[in-house]
Protein backbone atom coordinates (compact mmCIF):
# COMPACT_ATOMS: atom_id res chain seq x y z
CA MET A 1 36.56 -25.21 6.07
CA SER A 2 34.92 -25.89 9.47
CA ALA A 3 34.04 -22.21 9.78
CA LEU A 4 32.44 -22.30 6.35
CA ILE A 5 30.40 -25.40 7.18
CA ALA A 6 29.27 -23.88 10.47
CA SER A 7 27.98 -20.84 8.69
CA LEU A 8 25.89 -22.71 6.11
CA PRO A 9 22.65 -23.14 8.14
CA VAL A 10 22.44 -19.48 9.06
CA PRO A 11 21.19 -18.16 5.69
CA ALA A 12 18.65 -20.96 5.52
CA LEU A 13 17.32 -20.07 8.96
CA ALA A 14 17.25 -16.40 8.08
CA ASP A 15 15.43 -17.15 4.83
CA GLY A 16 12.82 -19.18 6.71
CA ALA A 17 12.36 -16.37 9.20
CA ASN A 18 11.90 -13.92 6.35
CA ARG A 19 9.24 -16.11 4.75
CA ALA A 20 7.40 -16.42 8.06
CA GLU A 21 7.58 -12.65 8.52
CA ARG A 22 6.19 -12.10 5.03
CA VAL A 23 3.26 -14.42 5.67
CA TYR A 24 2.67 -12.80 9.06
CA GLU A 25 2.48 -9.31 7.54
CA THR A 26 0.29 -10.50 4.67
CA VAL A 27 -2.29 -12.27 6.82
CA LYS A 28 -2.37 -9.50 9.42
CA ARG A 29 -2.93 -6.90 6.70
CA GLU A 30 -5.77 -8.98 5.27
CA ILE A 31 -7.36 -9.16 8.72
CA PHE A 32 -7.08 -5.40 9.16
CA ASP A 33 -8.48 -4.80 5.67
CA PHE A 34 -11.34 -7.29 6.23
CA VAL A 35 -10.17 -9.45 3.35
CA LEU A 36 -10.23 -12.11 6.06
CA PHE A 37 -13.38 -11.32 8.01
CA PRO A 38 -13.96 -12.11 11.71
CA GLY A 39 -15.06 -15.75 11.89
CA ASP A 40 -13.56 -16.73 8.53
CA ARG A 41 -11.90 -20.15 8.46
CA PHE A 42 -8.92 -21.21 6.38
CA SER A 43 -6.22 -23.87 6.32
CA GLU A 44 -2.45 -23.68 6.42
CA SER A 45 -2.41 -25.23 2.95
CA GLU A 46 -4.58 -22.43 1.56
CA ILE A 47 -2.26 -19.75 2.93
CA ALA A 48 0.81 -21.66 1.75
CA GLU A 49 -0.56 -21.95 -1.78
CA ARG A 50 -1.66 -18.34 -1.93
CA THR A 51 1.60 -16.92 -0.63
CA GLY A 52 3.91 -19.40 -2.32
CA VAL A 53 5.48 -20.36 1.00
CA SER A 54 5.86 -23.81 2.55
CA ARG A 55 3.66 -24.80 5.48
CA THR A 56 6.38 -24.56 8.14
CA PRO A 57 6.86 -20.78 7.94
CA VAL A 58 3.11 -20.42 7.38
CA ARG A 59 2.47 -22.26 10.64
CA GLU A 60 5.02 -20.08 12.44
CA ALA A 61 3.33 -16.94 11.15
CA LEU A 62 -0.17 -18.12 12.10
CA GLN A 63 0.95 -19.18 15.56
CA ARG A 64 2.41 -15.73 16.09
CA LEU A 65 -0.87 -14.11 15.04
CA ALA A 66 -2.70 -16.44 17.42
CA ARG A 67 -0.44 -15.37 20.31
CA GLU A 68 -1.24 -11.75 19.48
CA GLY A 69 -4.98 -12.46 19.60
CA TYR A 70 -5.93 -12.26 15.92
CA LEU A 71 -6.44 -15.96 15.16
CA GLU A 72 -7.47 -19.16 16.90
CA VAL A 73 -7.06 -22.83 16.03
CA ALA A 74 -10.19 -24.26 14.41
CA SER A 75 -8.95 -27.81 13.69
CA ARG A 76 -5.68 -29.73 13.44
CA THR A 77 -4.49 -27.69 10.46
CA GLY A 78 -7.31 -25.14 10.34
CA TRP A 79 -7.52 -21.61 11.66
CA ARG A 80 -10.19 -19.00 12.27
CA VAL A 81 -10.07 -15.24 12.46
CA LYS A 82 -11.16 -14.45 16.00
CA PRO A 83 -14.54 -12.74 16.33
CA LEU A 84 -14.37 -9.13 17.42
CA ASP A 85 -14.24 -8.95 21.21
CA PHE A 86 -15.85 -5.65 22.13
CA GLU A 87 -15.15 -6.02 25.83
CA ALA A 88 -11.45 -6.42 25.12
CA PHE A 89 -11.52 -3.43 22.75
CA ASP A 90 -13.26 -1.34 25.40
CA GLN A 91 -10.49 -2.17 27.86
CA LEU A 92 -7.81 -1.24 25.35
CA TYR A 93 -9.56 2.05 24.63
CA ASP A 94 -9.67 2.76 28.37
CA VAL A 95 -5.90 2.27 28.62
CA ARG A 96 -5.40 4.39 25.53
CA VAL A 97 -7.38 7.24 27.13
CA ILE A 98 -5.24 7.11 30.28
CA ILE A 99 -2.00 7.22 28.27
CA GLU A 100 -3.06 10.03 25.96
CA LEU A 101 -4.52 12.17 28.75
CA ALA A 102 -1.24 11.85 30.64
CA ALA A 103 0.66 12.76 27.48
CA VAL A 104 -1.22 15.98 26.72
CA ARG A 105 -1.02 17.00 30.38
CA LYS A 106 2.74 16.64 30.29
CA LEU A 107 3.03 18.46 26.96
CA CYS A 108 1.08 21.37 28.40
CA GLU A 109 3.21 21.56 31.52
CA VAL A 110 6.79 21.08 30.26
CA GLU A 111 8.92 24.20 30.26
CA ARG A 112 9.93 23.83 26.62
CA GLN A 113 7.19 22.37 24.48
CA PRO A 114 8.38 20.02 21.72
CA ALA A 115 7.87 21.07 18.12
CA LEU A 116 4.51 19.99 16.74
CA ALA A 117 4.95 21.47 13.27
CA GLY A 118 4.19 18.17 11.55
CA LEU A 119 0.82 17.93 13.26
CA LYS A 120 0.01 21.54 12.41
CA ASP A 121 0.79 20.91 8.74
CA ALA A 122 -1.44 17.84 8.68
CA TRP A 123 -4.44 19.01 10.68
CA LEU A 124 -4.61 22.80 10.64
CA VAL A 125 -5.58 22.89 6.98
CA PRO A 126 -8.59 24.24 5.05
CA PRO A 127 -11.32 21.75 4.09
CA SER A 128 -10.15 21.71 0.48
CA GLU A 129 -6.82 20.21 1.58
CA ARG A 130 -8.23 17.44 3.78
CA LEU A 131 -7.71 13.79 2.94
CA ASP A 132 -10.80 11.68 2.32
CA GLU A 133 -9.49 8.18 1.55
CA PRO A 134 -10.30 5.95 4.58
CA LYS A 135 -6.95 4.15 4.80
CA ALA A 136 -4.96 7.35 4.40
CA ILE A 137 -6.95 9.27 6.99
CA SER A 138 -6.79 6.29 9.35
CA ALA A 139 -2.99 6.27 9.13
CA LEU A 140 -2.89 10.04 9.62
CA ASP A 141 -5.17 9.73 12.64
CA GLU A 142 -2.91 7.11 14.21
CA ALA A 143 0.10 9.36 13.60
CA PHE A 144 -1.61 12.28 15.34
CA HIS A 145 -2.19 10.39 18.57
CA ALA A 146 1.13 8.56 18.44
CA THR A 147 3.02 11.82 17.93
CA LEU A 148 1.41 13.43 20.97
CA VAL A 149 2.50 10.47 23.12
CA ALA A 150 5.99 10.24 21.60
CA ALA A 151 6.51 13.99 22.08
CA THR A 152 6.59 13.44 25.85
CA GLY A 153 9.96 11.75 25.43
CA ASN A 154 8.81 8.73 27.43
CA ALA A 155 9.89 5.78 25.27
CA GLU A 156 8.12 3.18 27.41
CA LEU A 157 4.85 5.08 27.28
CA ALA A 158 5.18 5.35 23.50
CA ARG A 159 5.88 1.62 23.20
CA ILE A 160 2.76 0.65 25.16
CA HIS A 161 0.70 3.11 23.13
CA ARG A 162 1.99 1.61 19.84
CA GLU A 163 0.98 -1.87 20.97
CA ILE A 164 -2.52 -0.71 21.89
CA THR A 165 -2.84 1.18 18.61
CA GLU A 166 -2.09 -1.97 16.63
CA ARG A 167 -4.50 -4.08 18.69
CA ILE A 168 -7.44 -1.73 18.01
CA ARG A 169 -6.51 -0.88 14.40
CA ILE A 170 -8.86 -3.55 13.05
CA ILE A 171 -11.91 -1.61 14.28
CA ARG A 172 -10.51 1.89 14.60
CA ARG A 173 -10.12 2.37 10.86
CA LEU A 174 -13.84 1.71 10.46
CA ASP A 175 -14.41 5.12 12.01
CA PHE A 176 -13.49 6.67 8.67
CA THR A 177 -15.92 4.81 6.43
CA LYS A 178 -18.37 7.71 6.74
CA ALA A 179 -17.45 11.16 5.44
CA PRO A 180 -18.91 13.09 8.42
CA ARG A 181 -16.54 11.25 10.76
CA VAL A 182 -13.57 12.39 8.69
CA ASP A 183 -14.64 16.03 8.91
CA THR A 184 -15.31 15.69 12.63
CA THR A 185 -11.87 14.17 13.19
CA TYR A 186 -10.17 17.09 11.45
CA THR A 187 -12.14 19.59 13.52
CA GLU A 188 -11.54 17.84 16.82
CA HIS A 189 -7.85 17.20 16.18
CA ALA A 190 -7.37 20.87 15.33
CA ARG A 191 -9.03 21.94 18.58
CA ILE A 192 -7.01 19.49 20.67
CA LEU A 193 -3.77 20.58 19.01
CA ARG A 194 -4.47 24.28 19.55
CA ALA A 195 -5.30 23.65 23.21
CA VAL A 196 -2.01 21.77 23.69
CA MET A 197 0.00 24.51 21.99
CA GLN A 198 -1.74 27.10 24.17
CA ARG A 199 -0.99 24.96 27.27
CA LYS A 200 -4.65 24.64 28.19
CA ALA A 201 -4.25 21.24 29.81
CA ASP A 202 -7.75 20.81 31.25
CA GLN A 203 -9.38 21.83 27.98
CA ALA A 204 -7.09 19.61 25.92
CA GLN A 205 -7.76 16.60 28.15
CA LEU A 206 -11.54 17.11 28.09
CA MET A 207 -11.63 17.40 24.31
CA LEU A 208 -9.31 14.43 23.86
CA ARG A 209 -11.37 12.19 26.14
CA THR A 210 -14.60 13.15 24.36
CA HIS A 211 -12.94 12.62 20.97
CA ILE A 212 -11.78 9.10 21.79
CA GLU A 213 -15.01 8.05 23.50
CA THR A 214 -17.07 9.29 20.55
CA SER A 215 -14.82 7.46 18.11
CA LYS A 216 -15.16 4.25 20.12
CA ALA A 217 -18.96 4.51 20.09
CA GLU A 218 -19.08 5.19 16.35
CA VAL A 219 -16.75 2.31 15.58
CA ARG A 220 -18.88 -0.10 17.55
CA LYS A 221 -22.01 0.88 15.65
CA ILE A 222 -20.34 0.57 12.27
CA THR A 223 -18.75 -2.76 13.13
CA LEU A 224 -21.98 -4.32 14.30
CA HIS A 225 -23.64 -3.23 11.07
CA MET A 226 -20.83 -4.73 9.01
CA LEU A 227 -21.03 -8.04 10.84
CA TYR A 228 -24.80 -8.15 10.34
CA GLN A 229 -24.43 -7.57 6.60
CA ALA A 230 -21.65 -10.18 6.35
CA ASN A 231 -23.76 -12.80 8.10
CA ARG A 232 -26.55 -12.26 5.54
CA ARG A 233 -24.29 -13.13 2.57
């Protein structure tokens, strides 16, 4: 009987953790999808009512998002989506460049190059087979860069890269709101991939750096335009 009693709180705790996780994923997705726009304010009660979850797990989820840099406290029970911090994004992009340049260098120099068939199937395709839905192409783009890093076999490098990828996702996906950027991404990814497979390290690194820097510049322009339009509503 004592063992049974001791075990009773565990499911309750697990259930609370699951509710907090669900709220966390929901709010983060809404931030990434600009359902919650930078600068938007909301209360714990609003999130609790909308998600059907009590305020305790809601508060846990929002505090976690605040620790990760997505939210900030606006009042005693109020929250605000943090404004986009371009200086912070620039720093994250700089780290991303360093990691990915190191990754393609290693892939070009290893004796036995890892299989990159999945990337070939996704990116070395005719224009008629290219994706054009922004969310889908954004996810495919993330997978391209993540796969290059993961292919090095360095788990710690891949972990850091995943964290950076998530931090910049909120603006990075804006790069695919214009059709020309989608076509450019396919072309540039194909060239980078071919250079890696041909072990042309210097060429691969140059193209990769240019690709990321161009993407960063385009994202910043699009984001500023979006914020301007939002402030006029």
